[in-house]
Amino acid sequence: MRKRLGVLGAAFLAIMMVASVAVAAGHLQPSMTDVQDTSWFADGEPADGTSILTRTDTMITSTVEGANLVPGNVHTIWFVVFNNPAACSGGECGEDDIFTGPDLNVDGVIAAQIGIGNATGNIAKADGTAEFGAVLRSGDYAATGHQLLFPAGLDGDELLIDGNTKGAEVHIIVQDHGQARGGPQLLNQLTYVETGCTPYCEDIQFSVHKP
């Protein structure tokens, strides 16, 4: 995923470190954890951050330890969910499944049942680091209050199809919104794509978590 999220149109959650089990609805669930390095959009080289994705039967939790970010800048994290990765072009999920030139690849989005939505946001500290934590529950994304760019396969209001926590491929995108604004504008920066940009927004880092 290397194209800016803004071409599609158009609350910080506590960080979650989940090890071998996760708590959901009062029960302990077996989980699967995948740890990946973050990479730069510009050249695919390591960005020195860490992206952790943990899957249970009912949810996916994401923890990103961001590095080499611009101090004082707002950064948002976006879920790009390929609910049917077997349908991705060339056997590899990526921007070709979402875009045809500057336009949305409607056939590709429907085939791979792709959904894109906001996960969370934070402001980078003086050392260029930031921590992000988000939860993606299967089948109920519309209830989170975060921006949904489009639902899985352009149908309904789900980002992660119900019951598909362990079958989806999840890409994490880091967008830089520029220096933090004050008041209600800050909440908009932390929640919406290409919003409150000072002076512009840019997708800068990514990570890929395969099922």
N, C-alpha and C. Protein backbone atom coordinates (compact mmCIF):
# COMPACT_ATOMS: atom_id res chain seq x y z
N MET A 1 0.84 -1.19 0.00
CA MET A 1 0.00 0.00 0.00
C MET A 1 0.88 1.24 0.00
N ARG A 2 1.02 1.91 -1.13
CA ARG A 2 1.92 3.03 -1.17
C ARG A 2 1.29 4.32 -1.64
N LYS A 3 0.01 4.30 -1.96
CA LYS A 3 -0.63 5.52 -2.39
C LYS A 3 -1.24 6.26 -1.22
N ARG A 4 -1.33 7.57 -1.34
CA ARG A 4 -1.90 8.35 -0.25
C ARG A 4 -3.37 8.03 -0.07
N LEU A 5 -3.77 7.94 1.19
CA LEU A 5 -5.16 7.60 1.50
C LEU A 5 -6.12 8.69 1.02
N GLY A 6 -5.64 9.92 0.88
CA GLY A 6 -6.51 11.02 0.51
C GLY A 6 -7.14 10.88 -0.86
N VAL A 7 -6.57 10.08 -1.72
CA VAL A 7 -7.15 9.94 -3.05
C VAL A 7 -8.46 9.18 -2.96
N LEU A 8 -8.77 8.54 -1.88
CA LEU A 8 -10.03 7.81 -1.74
C LEU A 8 -11.17 8.73 -1.33
N GLY A 9 -10.92 9.98 -1.02
CA GLY A 9 -11.97 10.88 -0.58
C GLY A 9 -11.86 11.13 0.89
N ALA A 10 -13.03 11.25 1.16
CA ALA A 10 -13.07 12.10 2.01
C ALA A 10 -13.20 12.97 0.85
N ALA A 11 -9.08 10.09 19.51
CA ALA A 11 -9.15 9.69 19.98
C ALA A 11 -8.33 8.60 20.37
N PHE A 12 -7.54 8.98 20.76
CA PHE A 12 -6.41 8.08 21.01
C PHE A 12 -6.83 6.98 21.98
N LEU A 13 -6.60 5.69 21.65
CA LEU A 13 -6.92 4.55 22.51
C LEU A 13 -5.68 4.13 23.27
N ALA A 14 -5.88 3.61 24.49
CA ALA A 14 -4.74 3.17 25.29
C ALA A 14 -4.02 2.04 24.58
N ILE A 15 -2.69 2.06 24.69
CA ILE A 15 -1.88 1.07 23.99
C ILE A 15 -2.12 -0.32 24.56
N MET A 16 -2.22 -1.31 23.69
CA MET A 16 -2.50 -2.67 24.11
C MET A 16 -1.34 -3.57 23.73
N MET A 17 -0.72 -4.17 24.71
CA MET A 17 0.32 -5.16 24.48
C MET A 17 -0.28 -6.51 24.83
N VAL A 18 -0.57 -7.31 23.81
CA VAL A 18 -1.22 -8.60 24.02
C VAL A 18 -0.23 -9.70 23.70
N ALA A 19 -0.04 -10.63 24.65
CA ALA A 19 0.93 -11.71 24.46
C ALA A 19 0.22 -12.95 23.97
N SER A 20 0.20 -14.02 24.77
CA SER A 20 -0.33 -15.29 24.27
C SER A 20 -1.83 -15.42 24.37
N VAL A 21 -2.47 -14.57 25.17
CA VAL A 21 -3.93 -14.58 25.27
C VAL A 21 -4.45 -13.17 25.25
N ALA A 22 -5.73 -12.99 24.89
CA ALA A 22 -6.37 -11.67 24.92
C ALA A 22 -7.69 -11.80 25.63
N VAL A 23 -8.10 -10.71 26.30
CA VAL A 23 -9.35 -10.74 27.04
C VAL A 23 -10.45 -10.13 26.17
N ALA A 24 -11.53 -10.87 26.00
CA ALA A 24 -12.66 -10.36 25.21
C ALA A 24 -13.95 -10.85 25.84
N ALA A 25 -14.86 -9.93 26.09
CA ALA A 25 -16.18 -10.26 26.65
C ALA A 25 -16.06 -11.10 27.91
N GLY A 26 -14.97 -10.82 28.69
CA GLY A 26 -14.80 -11.50 29.96
C GLY A 26 -14.21 -12.89 29.86
N HIS A 27 -13.77 -13.29 28.69
CA HIS A 27 -13.21 -14.63 28.52
C HIS A 27 -11.81 -14.55 27.93
N LEU A 28 -10.97 -15.51 28.31
CA LEU A 28 -9.65 -15.61 27.72
C LEU A 28 -9.75 -16.37 26.41
N GLN A 29 -9.14 -15.82 25.36
CA GLN A 29 -9.20 -16.45 24.06
C GLN A 29 -7.81 -16.77 23.56
N PRO A 30 -7.63 -17.93 22.93
CA PRO A 30 -6.34 -18.21 22.27
C PRO A 30 -6.09 -17.15 21.21
N SER A 31 -4.83 -16.76 21.04
CA SER A 31 -4.53 -15.69 20.10
C SER A 31 -3.30 -16.02 19.26
N MET A 32 -3.16 -15.26 18.17
CA MET A 32 -2.01 -15.37 17.28
C MET A 32 -1.40 -13.99 17.16
N THR A 33 -0.09 -13.87 17.39
CA THR A 33 0.58 -12.57 17.35
C THR A 33 1.64 -12.55 16.26
N ASP A 34 1.62 -11.47 15.47
CA ASP A 34 2.59 -11.28 14.39
C ASP A 34 3.31 -9.95 14.61
N VAL A 35 4.64 -9.97 14.57
CA VAL A 35 5.44 -8.77 14.78
C VAL A 35 6.19 -8.45 13.49
N GLN A 36 6.03 -7.21 13.01
CA GLN A 36 6.68 -6.78 11.78
C GLN A 36 7.36 -5.43 12.00
N ASP A 37 8.41 -5.17 11.21
CA ASP A 37 9.03 -3.85 11.20
C ASP A 37 8.16 -2.89 10.40
N THR A 38 8.21 -1.60 10.74
CA THR A 38 7.59 -0.60 9.88
C THR A 38 8.57 -0.21 8.78
N SER A 39 8.02 0.20 7.64
CA SER A 39 8.86 0.56 6.48
C SER A 39 8.43 1.93 5.97
N TRP A 40 9.35 2.58 5.24
CA TRP A 40 9.06 3.86 4.63
C TRP A 40 8.32 3.67 3.31
N PHE A 41 7.33 4.50 3.06
CA PHE A 41 6.64 4.47 1.78
C PHE A 41 7.59 4.82 0.64
N ALA A 42 8.47 5.75 0.90
CA ALA A 42 9.31 6.28 -0.18
C ALA A 42 10.16 5.22 -0.86
N ASP A 43 10.73 4.31 -0.06
CA ASP A 43 11.66 3.34 -0.65
C ASP A 43 11.54 1.93 -0.10
N GLY A 44 10.60 1.70 0.83
CA GLY A 44 10.44 0.37 1.40
C GLY A 44 11.48 -0.01 2.41
N GLU A 45 12.38 0.90 2.74
CA GLU A 45 13.43 0.60 3.72
C GLU A 45 12.88 0.64 5.14
N PRO A 46 13.55 -0.06 6.10
CA PRO A 46 13.07 -0.07 7.48
C PRO A 46 12.97 1.34 8.07
N ALA A 47 11.87 1.58 8.80
CA ALA A 47 11.66 2.87 9.45
C ALA A 47 11.97 2.80 10.95
N ASP A 48 12.47 1.64 11.39
CA ASP A 48 12.92 1.43 12.77
C ASP A 48 11.79 1.38 13.80
N GLY A 49 10.55 1.26 13.35
CA GLY A 49 9.44 1.07 14.26
C GLY A 49 9.01 -0.38 14.29
N THR A 50 8.06 -0.70 15.17
CA THR A 50 7.57 -2.06 15.31
C THR A 50 6.05 -2.07 15.26
N SER A 51 5.51 -3.02 14.52
CA SER A 51 4.06 -3.17 14.39
C SER A 51 3.67 -4.56 14.86
N ILE A 52 2.77 -4.62 15.85
CA ILE A 52 2.35 -5.89 16.44
C ILE A 52 0.86 -6.08 16.21
N LEU A 53 0.49 -7.20 15.64
CA LEU A 53 -0.92 -7.50 15.39
C LEU A 53 -1.27 -8.81 16.07
N THR A 54 -2.28 -8.79 16.91
CA THR A 54 -2.72 -9.98 17.63
C THR A 54 -4.16 -10.30 17.25
N ARG A 55 -4.42 -11.55 16.90
CA ARG A 55 -5.74 -11.98 16.47
C ARG A 55 -6.34 -12.97 17.46
N THR A 56 -7.60 -12.76 17.81
CA THR A 56 -8.37 -13.75 18.55
C THR A 56 -9.56 -14.13 17.68
N ASP A 57 -10.47 -14.92 18.22
CA ASP A 57 -11.64 -15.32 17.44
C ASP A 57 -12.60 -14.16 17.18
N THR A 58 -12.53 -13.10 17.99
CA THR A 58 -13.52 -12.02 17.88
C THR A 58 -12.94 -10.65 17.56
N MET A 59 -11.62 -10.49 17.64
CA MET A 59 -11.05 -9.17 17.41
C MET A 59 -9.59 -9.25 16.98
N ILE A 60 -9.13 -8.12 16.47
CA ILE A 60 -7.72 -7.91 16.15
C ILE A 60 -7.25 -6.70 16.94
N THR A 61 -6.13 -6.82 17.65
CA THR A 61 -5.55 -5.67 18.33
C THR A 61 -4.26 -5.30 17.63
N SER A 62 -4.03 -4.01 17.53
CA SER A 62 -2.84 -3.50 16.84
C SER A 62 -2.08 -2.57 17.75
N THR A 63 -0.77 -2.79 17.84
CA THR A 63 0.12 -1.90 18.59
C THR A 63 1.25 -1.49 17.67
N VAL A 64 1.44 -0.19 17.52
CA VAL A 64 2.54 0.31 16.69
C VAL A 64 3.44 1.18 17.55
N GLU A 65 4.72 0.82 17.59
CA GLU A 65 5.74 1.65 18.24
C GLU A 65 6.43 2.43 17.13
N GLY A 66 5.95 3.66 16.90
CA GLY A 66 6.46 4.45 15.79
C GLY A 66 7.81 5.08 16.09
N ALA A 67 8.65 5.19 15.07
CA ALA A 67 9.98 5.79 15.20
C ALA A 67 10.26 6.69 14.00
N ASN A 68 11.19 7.60 14.18
CA ASN A 68 11.60 8.53 13.11
C ASN A 68 10.43 9.37 12.60
N LEU A 69 9.53 9.74 13.52
CA LEU A 69 8.43 10.62 13.18
C LEU A 69 8.84 12.07 13.48
N VAL A 70 8.12 13.03 12.93
CA VAL A 70 8.45 14.44 13.16
C VAL A 70 7.88 14.87 14.51
N PRO A 71 8.74 15.30 15.44
CA PRO A 71 8.26 15.70 16.77
C PRO A 71 7.18 16.78 16.68
N GLY A 72 6.12 16.61 17.47
CA GLY A 72 5.04 17.57 17.50
C GLY A 72 4.01 17.41 16.41
N ASN A 73 4.26 16.50 15.46
CA ASN A 73 3.30 16.28 14.38
C ASN A 73 2.25 15.25 14.78
N VAL A 74 1.02 15.45 14.31
CA VAL A 74 -0.04 14.47 14.50
C VAL A 74 0.14 13.36 13.47
N HIS A 75 -0.03 12.12 13.94
CA HIS A 75 0.03 10.96 13.04
C HIS A 75 -1.19 10.09 13.28
N THR A 76 -1.79 9.64 12.21
CA THR A 76 -2.91 8.70 12.32
C THR A 76 -2.51 7.34 11.79
N ILE A 77 -3.18 6.31 12.32
CA ILE A 77 -2.97 4.93 11.89
C ILE A 77 -4.25 4.46 11.20
N TRP A 78 -4.07 3.81 10.06
CA TRP A 78 -5.21 3.35 9.25
C TRP A 78 -5.12 1.86 9.01
N PHE A 79 -6.27 1.19 9.17
CA PHE A 79 -6.38 -0.22 8.81
C PHE A 79 -6.75 -0.34 7.33
N VAL A 80 -5.99 -1.12 6.59
CA VAL A 80 -6.37 -1.52 5.24
C VAL A 80 -6.55 -3.04 5.30
N VAL A 81 -7.80 -3.49 5.23
CA VAL A 81 -8.12 -4.89 5.49
C VAL A 81 -8.50 -5.60 4.19
N PHE A 82 -7.73 -6.61 3.83
CA PHE A 82 -8.04 -7.47 2.69
C PHE A 82 -8.73 -8.71 3.25
N ASN A 83 -10.05 -8.69 3.27
CA ASN A 83 -10.79 -9.79 3.88
C ASN A 83 -10.68 -11.09 3.10
N ASN A 84 -10.41 -10.99 1.81
CA ASN A 84 -10.25 -12.18 0.97
C ASN A 84 -8.92 -12.09 0.23
N PRO A 85 -7.79 -12.25 0.93
CA PRO A 85 -6.48 -12.06 0.30
C PRO A 85 -6.21 -13.03 -0.84
N ALA A 86 -6.89 -14.16 -0.88
CA ALA A 86 -6.69 -15.11 -1.97
C ALA A 86 -7.09 -14.51 -3.31
N ALA A 87 -7.92 -13.46 -3.30
CA ALA A 87 -8.37 -12.84 -4.54
C ALA A 87 -7.49 -11.67 -4.97
N CYS A 88 -6.43 -11.37 -4.23
CA CYS A 88 -5.54 -10.27 -4.60
C CYS A 88 -4.81 -10.59 -5.90
N SER A 89 -4.53 -9.56 -6.68
CA SER A 89 -3.90 -9.75 -7.99
C SER A 89 -2.46 -10.24 -7.84
N GLY A 90 -2.11 -11.23 -8.65
CA GLY A 90 -0.75 -11.75 -8.62
C GLY A 90 -0.38 -12.45 -7.34
N GLY A 91 -1.37 -12.80 -6.53
CA GLY A 91 -1.09 -13.50 -5.27
C GLY A 91 -0.49 -12.62 -4.20
N GLU A 92 -0.47 -11.29 -4.40
CA GLU A 92 0.11 -10.36 -3.43
C GLU A 92 -0.83 -9.18 -3.27
N CYS A 93 -1.26 -8.91 -2.04
CA CYS A 93 -2.17 -7.80 -1.80
C CYS A 93 -1.42 -6.47 -1.78
N GLY A 94 -1.97 -5.48 -2.45
CA GLY A 94 -1.32 -4.17 -2.49
C GLY A 94 -2.17 -3.15 -3.19
N GLU A 95 -1.54 -2.04 -3.57
CA GLU A 95 -2.29 -0.91 -4.11
C GLU A 95 -2.94 -1.23 -5.46
N ASP A 96 -2.41 -2.19 -6.22
CA ASP A 96 -3.03 -2.53 -7.49
C ASP A 96 -4.44 -3.08 -7.30
N ASP A 97 -4.69 -3.66 -6.13
CA ASP A 97 -6.03 -4.18 -5.85
C ASP A 97 -7.01 -3.06 -5.49
N ILE A 98 -6.49 -1.89 -5.17
CA ILE A 98 -7.31 -0.78 -4.73
C ILE A 98 -7.41 0.32 -5.80
N PHE A 99 -6.33 0.52 -6.56
CA PHE A 99 -6.30 1.60 -7.54
C PHE A 99 -6.07 1.08 -8.95
N THR A 100 -6.69 1.77 -9.90
CA THR A 100 -6.36 1.63 -11.32
C THR A 100 -5.97 3.02 -11.77
N GLY A 101 -4.66 3.29 -11.84
CA GLY A 101 -4.22 4.66 -12.06
C GLY A 101 -4.69 5.51 -10.90
N PRO A 102 -5.32 6.66 -11.19
CA PRO A 102 -5.81 7.52 -10.11
C PRO A 102 -7.18 7.12 -9.58
N ASP A 103 -7.80 6.13 -10.19
CA ASP A 103 -9.18 5.77 -9.85
C ASP A 103 -9.24 4.53 -8.95
N LEU A 104 -10.38 4.40 -8.29
CA LEU A 104 -10.61 3.23 -7.45
C LEU A 104 -10.82 2.01 -8.32
N ASN A 105 -10.13 0.93 -7.99
CA ASN A 105 -10.29 -0.35 -8.69
C ASN A 105 -11.48 -1.07 -8.07
N VAL A 106 -12.66 -0.75 -8.56
CA VAL A 106 -13.89 -1.28 -7.95
C VAL A 106 -13.90 -2.80 -7.99
N ASP A 107 -13.54 -3.39 -9.12
CA ASP A 107 -13.55 -4.85 -9.24
C ASP A 107 -12.58 -5.49 -8.25
N GLY A 108 -11.39 -4.90 -8.10
CA GLY A 108 -10.40 -5.44 -7.17
C GLY A 108 -10.84 -5.32 -5.73
N VAL A 109 -11.43 -4.20 -5.38
CA VAL A 109 -11.91 -3.97 -4.01
C VAL A 109 -13.00 -4.97 -3.65
N ILE A 110 -13.90 -5.20 -4.60
CA ILE A 110 -14.99 -6.14 -4.34
C ILE A 110 -14.47 -7.57 -4.26
N ALA A 111 -13.55 -7.94 -5.15
CA ALA A 111 -13.03 -9.31 -5.18
C ALA A 111 -12.29 -9.65 -3.89
N ALA A 112 -11.39 -8.77 -3.44
CA ALA A 112 -10.60 -9.02 -2.23
C ALA A 112 -11.33 -8.55 -0.97
N GLN A 113 -12.55 -8.01 -1.14
CA GLN A 113 -13.36 -7.53 -0.02
C GLN A 113 -12.55 -6.59 0.89
N ILE A 114 -12.02 -5.56 0.26
CA ILE A 114 -11.12 -4.62 0.94
C ILE A 114 -11.92 -3.54 1.65
N GLY A 115 -11.51 -3.22 2.87
CA GLY A 115 -12.08 -2.11 3.62
C GLY A 115 -10.96 -1.26 4.19
N ILE A 116 -11.19 0.06 4.30
CA ILE A 116 -10.18 0.97 4.85
C ILE A 116 -10.84 1.88 5.88
N GLY A 117 -10.23 1.99 7.07
CA GLY A 117 -10.78 2.85 8.10
C GLY A 117 -9.74 3.28 9.11
N ASN A 118 -10.05 4.34 9.84
CA ASN A 118 -9.16 4.89 10.85
C ASN A 118 -9.03 3.94 12.04
N ALA A 119 -7.82 3.81 12.56
CA ALA A 119 -7.58 3.00 13.76
C ALA A 119 -7.44 3.90 14.99
N THR A 120 -6.52 4.87 14.92
CA THR A 120 -6.27 5.77 16.05
C THR A 120 -5.29 6.85 15.61
N GLY A 121 -4.89 7.70 16.54
CA GLY A 121 -3.92 8.75 16.25
C GLY A 121 -3.17 9.16 17.49
N ASN A 122 -2.04 9.86 17.29
CA ASN A 122 -1.25 10.35 18.42
C ASN A 122 -0.30 11.43 17.91
N ILE A 123 0.33 12.13 18.85
CA ILE A 123 1.30 13.18 18.52
C ILE A 123 2.69 12.67 18.83
N ALA A 124 3.61 12.81 17.89
CA ALA A 124 4.99 12.34 18.08
C ALA A 124 5.69 13.13 19.17
N LYS A 125 6.44 12.41 20.01
CA LYS A 125 7.18 13.04 21.10
C LYS A 125 8.46 13.70 20.58
N ALA A 126 9.18 14.36 21.48
CA ALA A 126 10.38 15.11 21.10
C ALA A 126 11.44 14.23 20.47
N ASP A 127 11.45 12.94 20.81
CA ASP A 127 12.45 12.03 20.25
C ASP A 127 11.97 11.37 18.95
N GLY A 128 10.82 11.80 18.44
CA GLY A 128 10.34 11.25 17.18
C GLY A 128 9.63 9.92 17.31
N THR A 129 9.27 9.53 18.52
CA THR A 129 8.55 8.27 18.72
C THR A 129 7.09 8.56 19.08
N ALA A 130 6.25 7.57 18.89
CA ALA A 130 4.84 7.65 19.30
C ALA A 130 4.31 6.24 19.42
N GLU A 131 3.39 6.03 20.36
CA GLU A 131 2.78 4.73 20.55
C GLU A 131 1.32 4.80 20.12
N PHE A 132 0.88 3.76 19.45
CA PHE A 132 -0.49 3.69 18.97
C PHE A 132 -1.08 2.34 19.36
N GLY A 133 -2.32 2.35 19.82
CA GLY A 133 -3.00 1.11 20.15
C GLY A 133 -4.44 1.15 19.66
N ALA A 134 -4.89 0.11 19.01
CA ALA A 134 -6.25 0.10 18.46
C ALA A 134 -6.82 -1.31 18.50
N VAL A 135 -8.15 -1.37 18.51
CA VAL A 135 -8.86 -2.65 18.49
C VAL A 135 -9.80 -2.65 17.30
N LEU A 136 -9.81 -3.75 16.56
CA LEU A 136 -10.71 -3.93 15.43
C LEU A 136 -11.53 -5.19 15.69
N ARG A 137 -12.80 -5.01 16.02
CA ARG A 137 -13.67 -6.15 16.30
C ARG A 137 -14.40 -6.55 15.02
N SER A 138 -14.54 -7.83 14.82
CA SER A 138 -15.18 -8.29 13.59
C SER A 138 -16.65 -7.92 13.58
N GLY A 139 -17.07 -7.32 12.47
CA GLY A 139 -18.48 -7.06 12.25
C GLY A 139 -19.06 -5.83 12.88
N ASP A 140 -18.28 -5.03 13.67
CA ASP A 140 -18.94 -3.90 14.34
C ASP A 140 -18.16 -2.59 14.19
N TYR A 141 -17.46 -2.44 13.09
CA TYR A 141 -16.62 -1.25 12.95
C TYR A 141 -17.42 0.05 12.99
N ALA A 142 -18.63 0.04 12.48
CA ALA A 142 -19.42 1.26 12.43
C ALA A 142 -19.68 1.84 13.82
N ALA A 143 -19.54 1.03 14.87
CA ALA A 143 -19.83 1.49 16.22
C ALA A 143 -18.64 2.20 16.86
N THR A 144 -17.48 2.23 16.20
CA THR A 144 -16.29 2.79 16.84
C THR A 144 -16.26 4.30 16.80
N GLY A 145 -16.99 4.92 15.86
CA GLY A 145 -16.97 6.37 15.76
C GLY A 145 -15.81 6.91 14.95
N HIS A 146 -14.95 6.05 14.45
CA HIS A 146 -13.83 6.48 13.64
C HIS A 146 -14.21 6.43 12.16
N GLN A 147 -13.46 7.18 11.35
CA GLN A 147 -13.83 7.30 9.95
C GLN A 147 -13.65 5.99 9.19
N LEU A 148 -14.67 5.64 8.43
CA LEU A 148 -14.62 4.49 7.55
C LEU A 148 -14.57 5.03 6.12
N LEU A 149 -13.42 4.88 5.45
CA LEU A 149 -13.30 5.39 4.09
C LEU A 149 -14.21 4.61 3.15
N PHE A 150 -14.15 3.30 3.25
CA PHE A 150 -15.17 2.47 2.61
C PHE A 150 -15.18 1.10 3.27
N PRO A 151 -16.36 0.46 3.30
CA PRO A 151 -16.49 -0.84 3.98
C PRO A 151 -15.95 -1.98 3.13
N ALA A 152 -15.85 -3.13 3.73
CA ALA A 152 -15.32 -4.31 3.04
C ALA A 152 -16.12 -4.60 1.78
N GLY A 153 -15.42 -4.59 0.64
CA GLY A 153 -16.07 -4.89 -0.62
C GLY A 153 -17.08 -3.86 -1.05
N LEU A 154 -17.04 -2.64 -0.47
CA LEU A 154 -17.94 -1.54 -0.79
C LEU A 154 -19.39 -1.84 -0.42
N ASP A 155 -19.59 -2.74 0.52
CA ASP A 155 -20.96 -3.15 0.87
C ASP A 155 -21.12 -3.18 2.38
N GLY A 156 -22.21 -2.61 2.89
CA GLY A 156 -22.49 -2.66 4.33
C GLY A 156 -21.67 -1.66 5.10
N ASP A 157 -21.38 -1.97 6.38
CA ASP A 157 -20.63 -1.05 7.22
C ASP A 157 -19.51 -1.74 8.00
N GLU A 158 -19.11 -2.92 7.57
CA GLU A 158 -18.03 -3.64 8.23
C GLU A 158 -16.69 -3.30 7.60
N LEU A 159 -15.66 -3.23 8.42
CA LEU A 159 -14.29 -3.13 7.92
C LEU A 159 -13.66 -4.51 7.91
N LEU A 160 -13.84 -5.22 9.02
CA LEU A 160 -13.41 -6.61 9.14
C LEU A 160 -14.66 -7.47 9.16
N ILE A 161 -14.80 -8.34 8.17
CA ILE A 161 -16.01 -9.15 8.06
C ILE A 161 -16.14 -10.06 9.28
N ASP A 162 -17.35 -10.15 9.79
CA ASP A 162 -17.63 -10.93 11.00
C ASP A 162 -17.10 -12.34 10.87
N GLY A 163 -16.30 -12.76 11.86
CA GLY A 163 -15.75 -14.11 11.89
C GLY A 163 -14.47 -14.29 11.09
N ASN A 164 -13.91 -13.18 10.56
CA ASN A 164 -12.75 -13.29 9.66
C ASN A 164 -11.46 -12.76 10.29
N THR A 165 -11.38 -12.74 11.61
CA THR A 165 -10.20 -12.16 12.26
C THR A 165 -8.90 -12.85 11.88
N LYS A 166 -8.96 -14.16 11.66
CA LYS A 166 -7.72 -14.91 11.38
C LYS A 166 -7.51 -15.18 9.89
N GLY A 167 -8.44 -14.72 9.06
CA GLY A 167 -8.30 -14.94 7.63
C GLY A 167 -7.93 -13.71 6.83
N ALA A 168 -8.03 -12.54 7.44
CA ALA A 168 -7.79 -11.29 6.72
C ALA A 168 -6.31 -10.90 6.74
N GLU A 169 -5.87 -10.27 5.66
CA GLU A 169 -4.55 -9.64 5.63
C GLU A 169 -4.74 -8.17 5.99
N VAL A 170 -3.93 -7.68 6.94
CA VAL A 170 -4.11 -6.32 7.45
C VAL A 170 -2.84 -5.51 7.19
N HIS A 171 -2.99 -4.40 6.49
CA HIS A 171 -1.91 -3.45 6.30
C HIS A 171 -2.15 -2.26 7.22
N ILE A 172 -1.10 -1.79 7.87
CA ILE A 172 -1.17 -0.62 8.75
C ILE A 172 -0.48 0.54 8.06
N ILE A 173 -1.19 1.66 7.91
CA ILE A 173 -0.64 2.84 7.26
C ILE A 173 -0.50 3.97 8.28
N VAL A 174 0.66 4.66 8.26
CA VAL A 174 0.90 5.82 9.13
C VAL A 174 0.83 7.08 8.28
N GLN A 175 -0.11 7.98 8.61
CA GLN A 175 -0.23 9.24 7.90
C GLN A 175 0.19 10.39 8.80
N ASP A 176 1.04 11.29 8.25
CA ASP A 176 1.52 12.48 8.96
C ASP A 176 0.63 13.66 8.59
N HIS A 177 0.04 14.32 9.62
CA HIS A 177 -0.85 15.46 9.38
C HIS A 177 -0.17 16.80 9.63
N GLY A 178 1.12 16.81 9.93
CA GLY A 178 1.80 18.06 10.25
C GLY A 178 1.62 18.44 11.71
N GLN A 179 2.02 19.65 12.05
CA GLN A 179 2.01 20.10 13.44
C GLN A 179 0.61 20.08 14.04
N ALA A 180 0.55 19.69 15.32
CA ALA A 180 -0.73 19.57 16.02
C ALA A 180 -1.40 20.93 16.15
N ARG A 181 -2.71 20.94 15.89
CA ARG A 181 -3.52 22.14 16.07
C ARG A 181 -4.16 22.11 17.46
N GLY A 182 -4.91 23.16 17.80
CA GLY A 182 -5.56 23.23 19.11
C GLY A 182 -7.05 22.97 19.02
N GLY A 183 -7.66 22.70 20.18
CA GLY A 183 -9.10 22.57 20.28
C GLY A 183 -9.68 21.46 19.43
N PRO A 184 -10.90 21.67 18.91
CA PRO A 184 -11.58 20.63 18.12
C PRO A 184 -10.81 20.22 16.88
N GLN A 185 -9.97 21.12 16.36
CA GLN A 185 -9.21 20.80 15.17
C GLN A 185 -8.25 19.63 15.42
N LEU A 186 -7.75 19.53 16.65
CA LEU A 186 -6.84 18.43 16.98
C LEU A 186 -7.57 17.09 16.90
N LEU A 187 -8.79 17.02 17.41
CA LEU A 187 -9.55 15.78 17.34
C LEU A 187 -9.78 15.38 15.89
N ASN A 188 -10.06 16.35 15.03
CA ASN A 188 -10.23 16.05 13.62
C ASN A 188 -8.94 15.52 13.01
N GLN A 189 -7.82 16.12 13.37
CA GLN A 189 -6.53 15.63 12.87
C GLN A 189 -6.30 14.17 13.27
N LEU A 190 -6.68 13.84 14.49
CA LEU A 190 -6.42 12.51 15.02
C LEU A 190 -7.37 11.44 14.48
N THR A 191 -8.43 11.85 13.79
CA THR A 191 -9.49 10.92 13.44
C THR A 191 -9.74 10.77 11.95
N TYR A 192 -9.53 11.84 11.18
CA TYR A 192 -9.95 11.82 9.78
C TYR A 192 -8.76 11.88 8.82
N VAL A 193 -8.92 11.26 7.66
CA VAL A 193 -7.88 11.24 6.65
C VAL A 193 -7.74 12.62 6.01
N GLU A 194 -6.50 12.99 5.72
CA GLU A 194 -6.21 14.24 5.01
C GLU A 194 -6.91 15.44 5.66
N THR A 195 -6.89 15.51 7.00
CA THR A 195 -7.61 16.56 7.71
C THR A 195 -6.66 17.34 8.62
N GLY A 196 -6.83 18.68 8.67
CA GLY A 196 -6.02 19.52 9.53
C GLY A 196 -4.56 19.52 9.15
N CYS A 197 -4.28 19.31 7.89
CA CYS A 197 -2.89 19.17 7.43
C CYS A 197 -2.16 20.50 7.54
N THR A 198 -0.96 20.49 8.11
CA THR A 198 -0.16 21.70 8.29
C THR A 198 1.28 21.47 7.84
N PRO A 199 1.64 21.78 6.59
CA PRO A 199 0.72 22.31 5.57
C PRO A 199 0.05 21.23 4.72
N TYR A 200 0.50 19.98 4.83
CA TYR A 200 -0.07 18.91 4.00
C TYR A 200 -0.02 17.60 4.77
N CYS A 201 -0.76 16.61 4.29
CA CYS A 201 -0.73 15.27 4.87
C CYS A 201 0.00 14.32 3.94
N GLU A 202 0.63 13.32 4.52
CA GLU A 202 1.40 12.38 3.71
C GLU A 202 1.43 11.01 4.38
N ASP A 203 1.20 9.97 3.60
CA ASP A 203 1.39 8.60 4.09
C ASP A 203 2.88 8.33 4.11
N ILE A 204 3.43 8.03 5.29
CA ILE A 204 4.89 7.96 5.40
C ILE A 204 5.42 6.54 5.71
N GLN A 205 4.67 5.76 6.47
CA GLN A 205 5.16 4.43 6.86
C GLN A 205 4.05 3.39 6.74
N PHE A 206 4.45 2.12 6.70
CA PHE A 206 3.46 1.05 6.60
C PHE A 206 4.03 -0.23 7.17
N SER A 207 3.14 -1.18 7.45
CA SER A 207 3.54 -2.54 7.82
C SER A 207 2.48 -3.48 7.26
N VAL A 208 2.87 -4.73 7.04
CA VAL A 208 1.99 -5.72 6.43
C VAL A 208 1.90 -6.94 7.35
N HIS A 209 0.68 -7.34 7.68
CA HIS A 209 0.44 -8.51 8.52
C HIS A 209 -0.42 -9.51 7.74
N LYS A 210 0.21 -10.60 7.33
CA LYS A 210 -0.49 -11.62 6.57
C LYS A 210 -1.12 -12.66 7.52
N PRO A 211 -2.21 -13.29 7.07
CA PRO A 211 -2.87 -14.27 7.96
C PRO A 211 -2.01 -15.51 8.15
